[in-house]
Structure formats: structure tokens, C-alpha cells
């Protein structure tokens, strides 16, 4: 995420959208890999 757009909820919204689409497609698990120390991303 570009710094100017961080902390506005866009990533959380993108994850929610991906989860919704995955459910619609019958997917029952999603794996999100985050770099160690990236606490804001881990909170998603």
C-alpha cells in the first residue's frame, strides 16, 4: 500500500472483498502471508 493511502481501511476492505468472492466460489480457506515485524498487516 502506498504510504499516502495507509491507515484508511483500504487493505481491510480488499481482504473482505477477497473473502466474499472466495466464499462465492466455494473456497473454504485463504492464506495470507505477512513479513515478520509487519504488525499492521498482521492485524488484518
Protein backbone atom coordinates (compact mmCIF):
# COMPACT_ATOMS: atom_id res chain seq x y z
CA UNK A 1 0.00 0.00 0.00
CA UNK A 2 1.36 3.42 -0.94
CA UNK A 3 2.17 5.40 2.21
CA UNK A 4 -0.29 8.20 1.42
CA UNK A 5 -3.18 5.70 1.47
CA UNK A 6 -2.21 3.67 4.55
CA UNK A 7 -4.36 3.54 7.69
CA UNK A 8 -7.57 4.30 5.77
CA UNK A 9 -9.04 0.80 5.78
CA UNK A 10 -8.39 0.02 2.12
CA UNK A 11 -6.43 -3.16 2.82
CA UNK A 12 -9.06 -4.41 5.24
CA UNK A 13 -11.71 -3.70 2.59
CA UNK A 14 -9.67 -5.58 -0.04
CA UNK A 15 -9.32 -8.60 2.25
CA UNK A 16 -13.06 -8.56 2.99
CA UNK A 17 -13.78 -8.43 -0.76
CA UNK A 18 -11.42 -11.36 -1.42
CA UNK A 19 -13.06 -13.37 1.38
CA UNK A 20 -16.52 -12.70 -0.04
CA UNK A 21 -15.51 -13.72 -3.56
CA UNK A 22 -13.75 -16.82 -2.26
CA UNK A 23 -16.90 -17.89 -0.38
CA UNK A 24 -18.96 -17.35 -3.54
CA UNK A 25 -16.52 -19.64 -5.39
CA UNK A 26 -16.74 -22.33 -2.72
CA UNK A 27 -13.28 -21.72 -1.28
CA UNK A 28 -13.14 -22.59 2.40
CA UNK A 29 -9.65 -21.35 3.32
CA UNK A 30 -7.43 -18.40 2.47
CA UNK A 31 -3.78 -18.00 3.44
CA UNK A 32 -2.31 -14.51 3.85
CA UNK A 33 1.45 -14.40 4.29
CA UNK A 34 2.90 -11.35 6.02
CA UNK A 35 6.50 -10.37 6.71
CA UNK A 36 7.68 -10.79 10.28
CA UNK A 37 7.52 -7.46 12.09
CA UNK A 38 4.77 -6.06 9.85
CA UNK A 39 2.33 -5.70 12.73
CA UNK A 40 -0.27 -3.56 10.90
CA UNK A 41 -0.59 -6.24 8.21
CA UNK A 42 -0.75 -8.99 10.83
CA UNK A 43 -3.74 -7.23 12.41
CA UNK A 44 -5.73 -7.70 9.21
